[in-house]
Amino acid sequence: MPSTKDYLEYILGQLSDLDDISYKAMMGEYIIYYRGKIIGGIYDNRFLVKPVKIAISMMPNANMELPYDGAKEMILVDDVENSSFLRELVEAMYDELPAPRKKRK
């Protein structure tokens, strides 16, 4: 089931204190970027983030879930109501995330 635009807007609103949050629609789901790096996405109205060390340590009891069949597991962020936690999480993850890939010409 594709994610709703309402859920995307809710998550973006929760992250609105951060500069340079963006998204890209992809096959009914949404990839979320922070300062050009992919932090995770919205899949089936779930906010999932990449399982980098700091995210795992900040959410030690979080469930690992598949965003879609054939994908790598990601961390389910279940405390999406806590905007200050989301901001801290995303900022903490930034340095551990891989640099964006160079676009092909």
N, C-alpha and C. Protein backbone atom coordinates (compact mmCIF):
# COMPACT_ATOMS: atom_id res chain seq x y z
N MET A 1 0.85 -1.17 0.00
CA MET A 1 0.00 0.00 0.00
C MET A 1 0.90 1.24 0.00
N PRO A 2 0.70 2.13 -0.93
CA PRO A 2 1.54 3.33 -0.98
C PRO A 2 1.30 4.24 0.22
N SER A 3 2.31 5.01 0.56
CA SER A 3 2.19 5.97 1.66
C SER A 3 1.34 7.15 1.22
N THR A 4 0.71 7.78 2.20
CA THR A 4 -0.15 8.92 1.89
C THR A 4 0.65 10.23 1.94
N LYS A 5 0.21 11.19 1.17
CA LYS A 5 0.82 12.52 1.18
C LYS A 5 0.62 13.15 2.56
N ASP A 6 -0.50 12.84 3.23
CA ASP A 6 -0.74 13.38 4.57
C ASP A 6 0.33 12.92 5.56
N TYR A 7 0.70 11.63 5.49
CA TYR A 7 1.73 11.13 6.41
C TYR A 7 3.08 11.77 6.09
N LEU A 8 3.40 11.90 4.80
CA LEU A 8 4.63 12.58 4.41
C LEU A 8 4.66 14.00 4.98
N GLU A 9 3.58 14.74 4.81
CA GLU A 9 3.52 16.11 5.31
C GLU A 9 3.64 16.16 6.83
N TYR A 10 3.09 15.17 7.52
CA TYR A 10 3.22 15.11 8.98
C TYR A 10 4.69 14.95 9.38
N ILE A 11 5.37 14.00 8.76
CA ILE A 11 6.79 13.76 9.08
C ILE A 11 7.62 14.99 8.72
N LEU A 12 7.38 15.58 7.56
CA LEU A 12 8.12 16.78 7.18
C LEU A 12 7.87 17.92 8.17
N GLY A 13 6.65 18.02 8.67
CA GLY A 13 6.33 19.01 9.69
C GLY A 13 7.09 18.76 10.98
N GLN A 14 7.22 17.48 11.36
CA GLN A 14 7.97 17.13 12.56
C GLN A 14 9.45 17.46 12.41
N LEU A 15 9.94 17.46 11.18
CA LEU A 15 11.35 17.74 10.91
C LEU A 15 11.58 19.18 10.46
N SER A 16 10.56 20.02 10.54
CA SER A 16 10.62 21.36 9.95
C SER A 16 11.64 22.28 10.63
N ASP A 17 12.10 21.96 11.84
CA ASP A 17 13.13 22.78 12.49
C ASP A 17 14.51 22.58 11.87
N LEU A 18 14.67 21.54 11.06
CA LEU A 18 15.95 21.27 10.42
C LEU A 18 16.02 21.99 9.07
N ASP A 19 17.19 22.52 8.75
CA ASP A 19 17.40 23.11 7.44
C ASP A 19 17.68 22.00 6.43
N ASP A 20 17.22 22.20 5.23
CA ASP A 20 17.57 21.34 4.10
C ASP A 20 17.04 19.91 4.22
N ILE A 21 15.80 19.76 4.66
CA ILE A 21 15.11 18.47 4.57
C ILE A 21 14.38 18.47 3.24
N SER A 22 14.52 17.39 2.50
CA SER A 22 13.82 17.28 1.22
C SER A 22 13.37 15.83 1.03
N TYR A 23 12.62 15.61 -0.02
CA TYR A 23 12.15 14.25 -0.31
C TYR A 23 12.01 14.06 -1.80
N LYS A 24 11.95 12.80 -2.18
CA LYS A 24 11.72 12.43 -3.57
C LYS A 24 10.69 11.31 -3.56
N ALA A 25 9.66 11.47 -4.35
CA ALA A 25 8.65 10.42 -4.49
C ALA A 25 9.24 9.30 -5.34
N MET A 26 9.00 8.05 -4.89
CA MET A 26 9.53 6.91 -5.61
C MET A 26 8.56 5.73 -5.49
N MET A 27 7.86 5.44 -6.56
CA MET A 27 6.95 4.30 -6.63
C MET A 27 5.94 4.26 -5.46
N GLY A 28 5.32 5.39 -5.18
CA GLY A 28 4.31 5.45 -4.14
C GLY A 28 4.85 5.62 -2.73
N GLU A 29 6.16 5.72 -2.61
CA GLU A 29 6.80 5.92 -1.31
C GLU A 29 7.65 7.19 -1.41
N TYR A 30 8.34 7.54 -0.31
CA TYR A 30 9.10 8.79 -0.28
C TYR A 30 10.47 8.57 0.35
N ILE A 31 11.51 8.98 -0.36
CA ILE A 31 12.87 8.95 0.16
C ILE A 31 13.10 10.31 0.85
N ILE A 32 13.63 10.29 2.07
CA ILE A 32 13.85 11.52 2.83
C ILE A 32 15.35 11.83 2.85
N TYR A 33 15.69 13.08 2.57
CA TYR A 33 17.08 13.54 2.53
C TYR A 33 17.29 14.62 3.58
N TYR A 34 18.49 14.63 4.15
CA TYR A 34 18.92 15.71 5.03
C TYR A 34 20.26 16.20 4.52
N ARG A 35 20.30 17.47 4.13
CA ARG A 35 21.51 18.08 3.58
C ARG A 35 22.12 17.21 2.48
N GLY A 36 21.26 16.68 1.63
CA GLY A 36 21.69 15.93 0.47
C GLY A 36 21.93 14.44 0.68
N LYS A 37 21.91 13.99 1.93
CA LYS A 37 22.14 12.57 2.21
C LYS A 37 20.83 11.87 2.53
N ILE A 38 20.68 10.64 2.07
CA ILE A 38 19.48 9.86 2.36
C ILE A 38 19.53 9.41 3.81
N ILE A 39 18.50 9.79 4.59
CA ILE A 39 18.43 9.34 5.97
C ILE A 39 17.49 8.15 6.12
N GLY A 40 16.57 8.02 5.20
CA GLY A 40 15.58 6.94 5.26
C GLY A 40 14.44 7.27 4.34
N GLY A 41 13.25 6.88 4.78
CA GLY A 41 12.10 7.13 3.93
C GLY A 41 10.80 6.78 4.62
N ILE A 42 9.73 7.02 3.87
CA ILE A 42 8.40 6.69 4.33
C ILE A 42 7.90 5.57 3.44
N TYR A 43 7.62 4.44 4.06
CA TYR A 43 7.19 3.24 3.35
C TYR A 43 5.95 2.70 4.05
N ASP A 44 4.86 2.55 3.32
CA ASP A 44 3.60 2.07 3.91
C ASP A 44 3.24 2.86 5.16
N ASN A 45 3.38 4.19 5.08
CA ASN A 45 3.09 5.08 6.21
C ASN A 45 3.88 4.73 7.47
N ARG A 46 5.14 4.32 7.27
CA ARG A 46 6.07 4.08 8.38
C ARG A 46 7.31 4.91 8.08
N PHE A 47 7.85 5.57 9.09
CA PHE A 47 9.09 6.32 8.94
C PHE A 47 10.24 5.39 9.32
N LEU A 48 11.05 5.02 8.33
CA LEU A 48 12.17 4.12 8.53
C LEU A 48 13.46 4.87 8.25
N VAL A 49 14.48 4.62 9.07
CA VAL A 49 15.78 5.27 8.86
C VAL A 49 16.86 4.21 8.68
N LYS A 50 17.96 4.65 8.08
CA LYS A 50 19.09 3.74 7.86
C LYS A 50 19.66 3.29 9.21
N PRO A 51 20.09 2.05 9.29
CA PRO A 51 20.59 1.50 10.57
C PRO A 51 22.06 1.84 10.83
N VAL A 52 22.36 3.12 10.93
CA VAL A 52 23.72 3.52 11.29
C VAL A 52 23.88 3.39 12.81
N LYS A 53 25.11 3.31 13.27
CA LYS A 53 25.39 3.03 14.69
C LYS A 53 24.68 3.98 15.65
N ILE A 54 24.72 5.28 15.37
CA ILE A 54 24.12 6.24 16.30
C ILE A 54 22.60 6.06 16.37
N ALA A 55 21.97 5.75 15.25
CA ALA A 55 20.52 5.54 15.25
C ALA A 55 20.16 4.30 16.08
N ILE A 56 20.97 3.26 15.95
CA ILE A 56 20.74 2.04 16.73
C ILE A 56 20.92 2.33 18.22
N SER A 57 21.93 3.13 18.56
CA SER A 57 22.16 3.42 19.97
C SER A 57 21.08 4.35 20.54
N MET A 58 20.51 5.22 19.71
CA MET A 58 19.46 6.12 20.18
C MET A 58 18.10 5.43 20.30
N MET A 59 17.94 4.32 19.58
CA MET A 59 16.68 3.56 19.60
C MET A 59 16.99 2.07 19.78
N PRO A 60 17.56 1.69 20.93
CA PRO A 60 18.03 0.31 21.10
C PRO A 60 16.93 -0.74 21.04
N ASN A 61 15.70 -0.37 21.32
CA ASN A 61 14.60 -1.33 21.31
C ASN A 61 13.72 -1.25 20.07
N ALA A 62 14.16 -0.47 19.09
CA ALA A 62 13.35 -0.29 17.87
C ALA A 62 13.34 -1.57 17.04
N ASN A 63 12.27 -1.75 16.31
CA ASN A 63 12.14 -2.89 15.40
C ASN A 63 12.86 -2.60 14.10
N MET A 64 13.47 -3.63 13.55
CA MET A 64 14.04 -3.57 12.21
C MET A 64 12.97 -4.09 11.26
N GLU A 65 12.71 -3.35 10.20
CA GLU A 65 11.67 -3.73 9.25
C GLU A 65 12.15 -3.54 7.83
N LEU A 66 11.54 -4.28 6.93
CA LEU A 66 11.84 -4.16 5.51
C LEU A 66 10.98 -3.04 4.91
N PRO A 67 11.59 -2.10 4.21
CA PRO A 67 10.78 -1.07 3.57
C PRO A 67 9.93 -1.65 2.43
N TYR A 68 10.49 -2.64 1.74
CA TYR A 68 9.79 -3.33 0.65
C TYR A 68 10.53 -4.64 0.41
N ASP A 69 9.89 -5.56 -0.30
CA ASP A 69 10.49 -6.87 -0.57
C ASP A 69 11.82 -6.70 -1.30
N GLY A 70 12.83 -7.41 -0.81
CA GLY A 70 14.15 -7.40 -1.43
C GLY A 70 15.07 -6.30 -0.94
N ALA A 71 14.59 -5.44 -0.06
CA ALA A 71 15.41 -4.34 0.46
C ALA A 71 16.13 -4.77 1.74
N LYS A 72 17.10 -3.96 2.15
CA LYS A 72 17.78 -4.18 3.43
C LYS A 72 16.89 -3.64 4.55
N GLU A 73 17.01 -4.25 5.72
CA GLU A 73 16.22 -3.81 6.86
C GLU A 73 16.62 -2.39 7.28
N MET A 74 15.62 -1.68 7.77
CA MET A 74 15.82 -0.34 8.28
C MET A 74 15.18 -0.26 9.67
N ILE A 75 15.47 0.81 10.39
CA ILE A 75 14.94 0.97 11.74
C ILE A 75 13.60 1.70 11.68
N LEU A 76 12.59 1.11 12.32
CA LEU A 76 11.28 1.75 12.42
C LEU A 76 11.34 2.81 13.51
N VAL A 77 11.04 4.04 13.15
CA VAL A 77 10.98 5.13 14.14
C VAL A 77 9.54 5.17 14.63
N ASP A 78 9.33 4.73 15.87
CA ASP A 78 7.96 4.67 16.37
C ASP A 78 7.58 5.89 17.20
N ASP A 79 8.55 6.74 17.54
CA ASP A 79 8.26 7.93 18.34
C ASP A 79 8.21 9.16 17.44
N VAL A 80 7.39 9.10 16.38
CA VAL A 80 7.35 10.20 15.42
C VAL A 80 6.64 11.44 15.98
N GLU A 81 5.94 11.30 17.10
CA GLU A 81 5.28 12.45 17.72
C GLU A 81 6.27 13.39 18.39
N ASN A 82 7.45 12.90 18.72
CA ASN A 82 8.46 13.66 19.46
C ASN A 82 9.39 14.37 18.47
N SER A 83 9.03 15.59 18.09
CA SER A 83 9.80 16.30 17.06
C SER A 83 11.23 16.62 17.51
N SER A 84 11.44 16.89 18.80
CA SER A 84 12.80 17.18 19.24
C SER A 84 13.68 15.94 19.15
N PHE A 85 13.13 14.76 19.46
CA PHE A 85 13.88 13.52 19.29
C PHE A 85 14.21 13.28 17.82
N LEU A 86 13.23 13.50 16.93
CA LEU A 86 13.47 13.29 15.50
C LEU A 86 14.58 14.20 15.00
N ARG A 87 14.57 15.46 15.44
CA ARG A 87 15.60 16.41 15.03
C ARG A 87 16.97 15.94 15.51
N GLU A 88 17.06 15.52 16.79
CA GLU A 88 18.33 15.03 17.33
C GLU A 88 18.80 13.79 16.58
N LEU A 89 17.88 12.89 16.29
CA LEU A 89 18.21 11.66 15.57
C LEU A 89 18.80 11.97 14.20
N VAL A 90 18.11 12.79 13.43
CA VAL A 90 18.56 13.09 12.07
C VAL A 90 19.90 13.81 12.10
N GLU A 91 20.06 14.78 12.98
CA GLU A 91 21.34 15.50 13.07
C GLU A 91 22.47 14.56 13.49
N ALA A 92 22.20 13.66 14.42
CA ALA A 92 23.22 12.72 14.88
C ALA A 92 23.62 11.74 13.78
N MET A 93 22.68 11.35 12.94
CA MET A 93 22.94 10.39 11.88
C MET A 93 23.79 10.96 10.75
N TYR A 94 23.73 12.25 10.54
CA TYR A 94 24.30 12.86 9.35
C TYR A 94 25.74 12.43 9.05
N ASP A 95 26.62 12.51 10.04
CA ASP A 95 28.04 12.21 9.80
C ASP A 95 28.28 10.73 9.46
N GLU A 96 27.38 9.85 9.87
CA GLU A 96 27.56 8.43 9.60
C GLU A 96 26.96 7.99 8.27
N LEU A 97 26.21 8.87 7.63
CA LEU A 97 25.57 8.51 6.37
C LEU A 97 26.55 8.66 5.21
N PRO A 98 26.42 7.79 4.21
CA PRO A 98 27.32 7.90 3.05
C PRO A 98 27.04 9.18 2.26
N ALA A 99 28.09 9.70 1.64
CA ALA A 99 27.95 10.88 0.78
C ALA A 99 27.04 10.53 -0.40
N PRO A 100 26.34 11.52 -0.93
CA PRO A 100 25.49 11.26 -2.09
C PRO A 100 26.33 10.77 -3.27
N ARG A 101 25.73 9.91 -4.06
CA ARG A 101 26.42 9.41 -5.26
C ARG A 101 26.47 10.51 -6.30
N LYS A 102 27.54 10.51 -7.05
CA LYS A 102 27.67 11.48 -8.14
C LYS A 102 26.71 11.08 -9.25
N LYS A 103 26.06 12.08 -9.82
CA LYS A 103 25.12 11.80 -10.92
C LYS A 103 25.88 11.51 -12.19
N ARG A 104 25.35 10.55 -12.94
CA ARG A 104 25.97 10.21 -14.23
C ARG A 104 25.61 11.27 -15.25
N LYS A 105 26.54 11.50 -16.14
CA LYS A 105 26.29 12.49 -17.19
C LYS A 105 25.76 11.83 -18.42
